[in-house]
């Protein structure tokens, strides 16, 4: 069998790496986590709104096609 070298794969997302470098203060860590959660909530809300607009556009297009 040939020499097989195992390579470690980083499993932590890139955006999480900044948390590991933060000073080990529970207050700042909690604030960082709250900021990330708020950011994710805003992103999720925007994506859901966009998805509903797309759905409405598709429904409208299909209704127009049926009427023809």
N, C-alpha and C. Protein backbone atom coordinates (compact mmCIF):
# COMPACT_ATOMS: atom_id res chain seq x y z
N UNK A 1 0.84 -1.18 0.00
CA UNK A 1 0.00 0.00 0.00
C UNK A 1 0.88 1.24 0.00
N UNK A 2 0.51 2.22 -0.79
CA UNK A 2 1.29 3.44 -0.88
C UNK A 2 1.16 4.24 0.41
N UNK A 3 2.13 5.15 0.59
CA UNK A 3 2.03 6.03 1.74
C UNK A 3 0.82 6.93 1.59
N UNK A 4 -0.05 6.86 2.57
CA UNK A 4 -1.25 7.69 2.53
C UNK A 4 -1.14 8.72 3.64
N UNK A 5 -1.24 9.94 3.26
CA UNK A 5 -1.18 11.02 4.24
C UNK A 5 -2.60 11.54 4.46
N UNK A 6 -2.99 11.56 5.71
CA UNK A 6 -4.30 12.10 6.03
C UNK A 6 -4.19 13.60 6.21
N UNK A 7 -5.13 14.27 5.68
CA UNK A 7 -5.13 15.72 5.78
C UNK A 7 -6.29 16.15 6.66
N UNK A 8 -6.02 17.05 7.58
CA UNK A 8 -7.08 17.56 8.43
C UNK A 8 -7.93 18.55 7.65
N UNK A 9 -9.20 18.41 7.78
CA UNK A 9 -10.12 19.31 7.09
C UNK A 9 -10.75 20.21 8.14
N UNK A 10 -10.69 21.50 7.88
CA UNK A 10 -11.28 22.46 8.81
C UNK A 10 -12.79 22.39 8.68
N UNK A 11 -13.47 22.12 9.77
CA UNK A 11 -14.92 21.98 9.72
C UNK A 11 -15.64 23.23 10.16
N UNK A 12 -14.93 24.19 10.71
CA UNK A 12 -15.55 25.42 11.17
C UNK A 12 -15.69 26.38 10.00
N UNK A 13 -16.89 26.94 9.80
CA UNK A 13 -17.05 27.90 8.72
C UNK A 13 -16.12 29.10 8.91
N UNK A 14 -15.74 29.70 7.82
CA UNK A 14 -14.80 30.82 7.86
C UNK A 14 -15.31 31.96 8.74
N UNK A 15 -16.62 32.26 8.67
CA UNK A 15 -17.14 33.37 9.45
C UNK A 15 -17.11 33.09 10.95
N UNK A 16 -16.96 31.84 11.36
CA UNK A 16 -16.90 31.50 12.78
C UNK A 16 -15.50 31.64 13.34
N UNK A 17 -14.51 31.74 12.49
CA UNK A 17 -13.14 31.79 12.96
C UNK A 17 -12.88 33.02 13.80
N UNK A 18 -13.56 34.12 13.52
CA UNK A 18 -13.33 35.33 14.29
C UNK A 18 -13.74 35.15 15.74
N UNK A 19 -14.69 34.27 15.99
CA UNK A 19 -15.10 34.04 17.37
C UNK A 19 -14.00 33.38 18.18
N UNK A 20 -13.22 32.54 17.56
CA UNK A 20 -12.18 31.84 18.30
C UNK A 20 -11.01 32.76 18.63
N UNK A 21 -10.88 33.84 17.90
CA UNK A 21 -9.78 34.75 18.14
C UNK A 21 -10.16 35.88 19.09
N UNK A 22 -11.41 35.96 19.44
CA UNK A 22 -11.86 37.03 20.33
C UNK A 22 -11.30 36.80 21.73
N UNK A 23 -11.12 37.87 22.48
CA UNK A 23 -10.69 37.71 23.86
C UNK A 23 -11.69 36.85 24.61
N UNK A 24 -11.20 36.06 25.52
CA UNK A 24 -12.08 35.11 26.20
C UNK A 24 -12.87 35.82 27.29
N UNK A 25 -13.77 36.65 26.86
CA UNK A 25 -14.65 37.37 27.77
C UNK A 25 -16.06 36.96 27.41
N UNK A 26 -16.79 36.46 28.39
CA UNK A 26 -18.14 35.97 28.08
C UNK A 26 -19.04 37.09 27.61
N UNK A 27 -18.83 38.31 28.07
CA UNK A 27 -19.67 39.42 27.63
C UNK A 27 -19.44 39.69 26.14
N UNK A 28 -18.20 39.81 25.72
CA UNK A 28 -17.94 40.09 24.31
C UNK A 28 -18.36 38.91 23.43
N UNK A 29 -18.20 37.69 23.93
CA UNK A 29 -18.61 36.52 23.16
C UNK A 29 -20.13 36.51 23.01
N UNK A 30 -20.83 36.81 24.08
CA UNK A 30 -22.30 36.86 24.01
C UNK A 30 -22.74 37.95 23.04
N UNK A 31 -22.09 39.11 23.10
CA UNK A 31 -22.44 40.19 22.18
C UNK A 31 -22.18 39.79 20.73
N UNK A 32 -21.07 39.12 20.49
CA UNK A 32 -20.77 38.67 19.13
C UNK A 32 -21.81 37.67 18.65
N UNK A 33 -22.19 36.76 19.52
CA UNK A 33 -23.20 35.76 19.15
C UNK A 33 -24.55 36.42 18.88
N UNK A 34 -24.91 37.39 19.72
CA UNK A 34 -26.17 38.10 19.50
C UNK A 34 -26.14 38.85 18.17
N UNK A 35 -25.02 39.48 17.86
CA UNK A 35 -24.89 40.19 16.58
C UNK A 35 -25.03 39.23 15.41
N UNK A 36 -24.40 38.07 15.51
CA UNK A 36 -24.49 37.09 14.42
C UNK A 36 -25.90 36.57 14.27
N UNK A 37 -26.59 36.33 15.39
CA UNK A 37 -27.97 35.85 15.32
C UNK A 37 -28.85 36.91 14.67
N UNK A 38 -28.68 38.16 15.06
CA UNK A 38 -29.47 39.24 14.47
C UNK A 38 -29.22 39.34 12.97
N UNK A 39 -27.96 39.23 12.59
CA UNK A 39 -27.61 39.27 11.16
C UNK A 39 -28.27 38.12 10.41
N UNK A 40 -28.22 36.92 10.99
CA UNK A 40 -28.86 35.75 10.36
C UNK A 40 -30.36 35.94 10.27
N UNK A 41 -30.97 36.51 11.30
CA UNK A 41 -32.42 36.73 11.27
C UNK A 41 -32.79 37.71 10.16
N UNK A 42 -32.02 38.77 10.02
CA UNK A 42 -32.30 39.76 8.96
C UNK A 42 -32.13 39.13 7.58
N UNK A 43 -31.08 38.34 7.42
CA UNK A 43 -30.84 37.67 6.14
C UNK A 43 -31.96 36.70 5.82
N UNK A 44 -32.38 35.94 6.82
CA UNK A 44 -33.45 34.97 6.62
C UNK A 44 -34.75 35.67 6.24
N UNK A 45 -35.06 36.77 6.93
CA UNK A 45 -36.28 37.52 6.63
C UNK A 45 -36.24 38.04 5.19
N UNK A 46 -35.10 38.57 4.77
CA UNK A 46 -34.98 39.09 3.40
C UNK A 46 -35.14 37.96 2.38
N UNK A 47 -34.55 36.80 2.67
CA UNK A 47 -34.66 35.67 1.74
C UNK A 47 -36.09 35.15 1.65
N UNK A 48 -36.79 35.12 2.77
CA UNK A 48 -38.18 34.66 2.78
C UNK A 48 -39.05 35.63 1.98
N UNK A 49 -38.85 36.92 2.19
CA UNK A 49 -39.60 37.92 1.41
C UNK A 49 -39.34 37.75 -0.08
N UNK A 50 -38.09 37.55 -0.43
CA UNK A 50 -37.73 37.38 -1.84
C UNK A 50 -38.38 36.12 -2.41
N UNK A 51 -38.39 35.05 -1.64
CA UNK A 51 -39.00 33.80 -2.09
C UNK A 51 -40.50 33.98 -2.33
N UNK A 52 -41.17 34.72 -1.45
CA UNK A 52 -42.60 34.95 -1.64
C UNK A 52 -42.86 35.82 -2.85
N UNK A 53 -42.00 36.79 -3.12
CA UNK A 53 -42.16 37.62 -4.33
C UNK A 53 -42.01 36.75 -5.57
N UNK A 54 -41.04 35.87 -5.57
CA UNK A 54 -40.84 34.96 -6.70
C UNK A 54 -42.05 34.07 -6.88
N UNK A 55 -42.56 33.53 -5.77
CA UNK A 55 -43.75 32.67 -5.84
C UNK A 55 -44.93 33.43 -6.43
N UNK A 56 -45.13 34.67 -5.97
CA UNK A 56 -46.23 35.49 -6.49
C UNK A 56 -46.06 35.75 -7.98
N UNK A 57 -44.83 36.02 -8.42
CA UNK A 57 -44.57 36.24 -9.84
C UNK A 57 -44.90 35.00 -10.66
N UNK A 58 -44.53 33.84 -10.14
CA UNK A 58 -44.81 32.58 -10.85
C UNK A 58 -46.31 32.34 -10.93
N UNK A 59 -47.01 32.54 -9.81
CA UNK A 59 -48.46 32.34 -9.79
C UNK A 59 -49.13 33.29 -10.77
N UNK A 60 -48.73 34.55 -10.77
CA UNK A 60 -49.31 35.53 -11.70
C UNK A 60 -49.05 35.13 -13.14
N UNK A 61 -47.85 34.68 -13.44
CA UNK A 61 -47.51 34.26 -14.80
C UNK A 61 -48.36 33.08 -15.22
N UNK A 62 -48.52 32.11 -14.32
CA UNK A 62 -49.33 30.94 -14.65
C UNK A 62 -50.79 31.30 -14.86
N UNK A 63 -51.29 32.24 -14.05
CA UNK A 63 -52.69 32.68 -14.22
C UNK A 63 -52.87 33.39 -15.56
N UNK A 64 -51.91 34.21 -15.95
CA UNK A 64 -51.99 34.88 -17.24
C UNK A 64 -51.97 33.87 -18.38
N UNK A 65 -51.14 32.84 -18.25
CA UNK A 65 -51.07 31.81 -19.30
C UNK A 65 -52.39 31.04 -19.39
N UNK A 66 -53.04 30.80 -18.25
CA UNK A 66 -54.32 30.08 -18.26
C UNK A 66 -55.42 30.90 -18.91
N UNK A 67 -55.35 32.19 -18.70
CA UNK A 67 -56.38 33.08 -19.26
C UNK A 67 -56.29 33.23 -20.76
N UNK A 68 -55.15 32.93 -21.34
CA UNK A 68 -54.98 33.08 -22.78
C UNK A 68 -55.59 31.96 -23.55
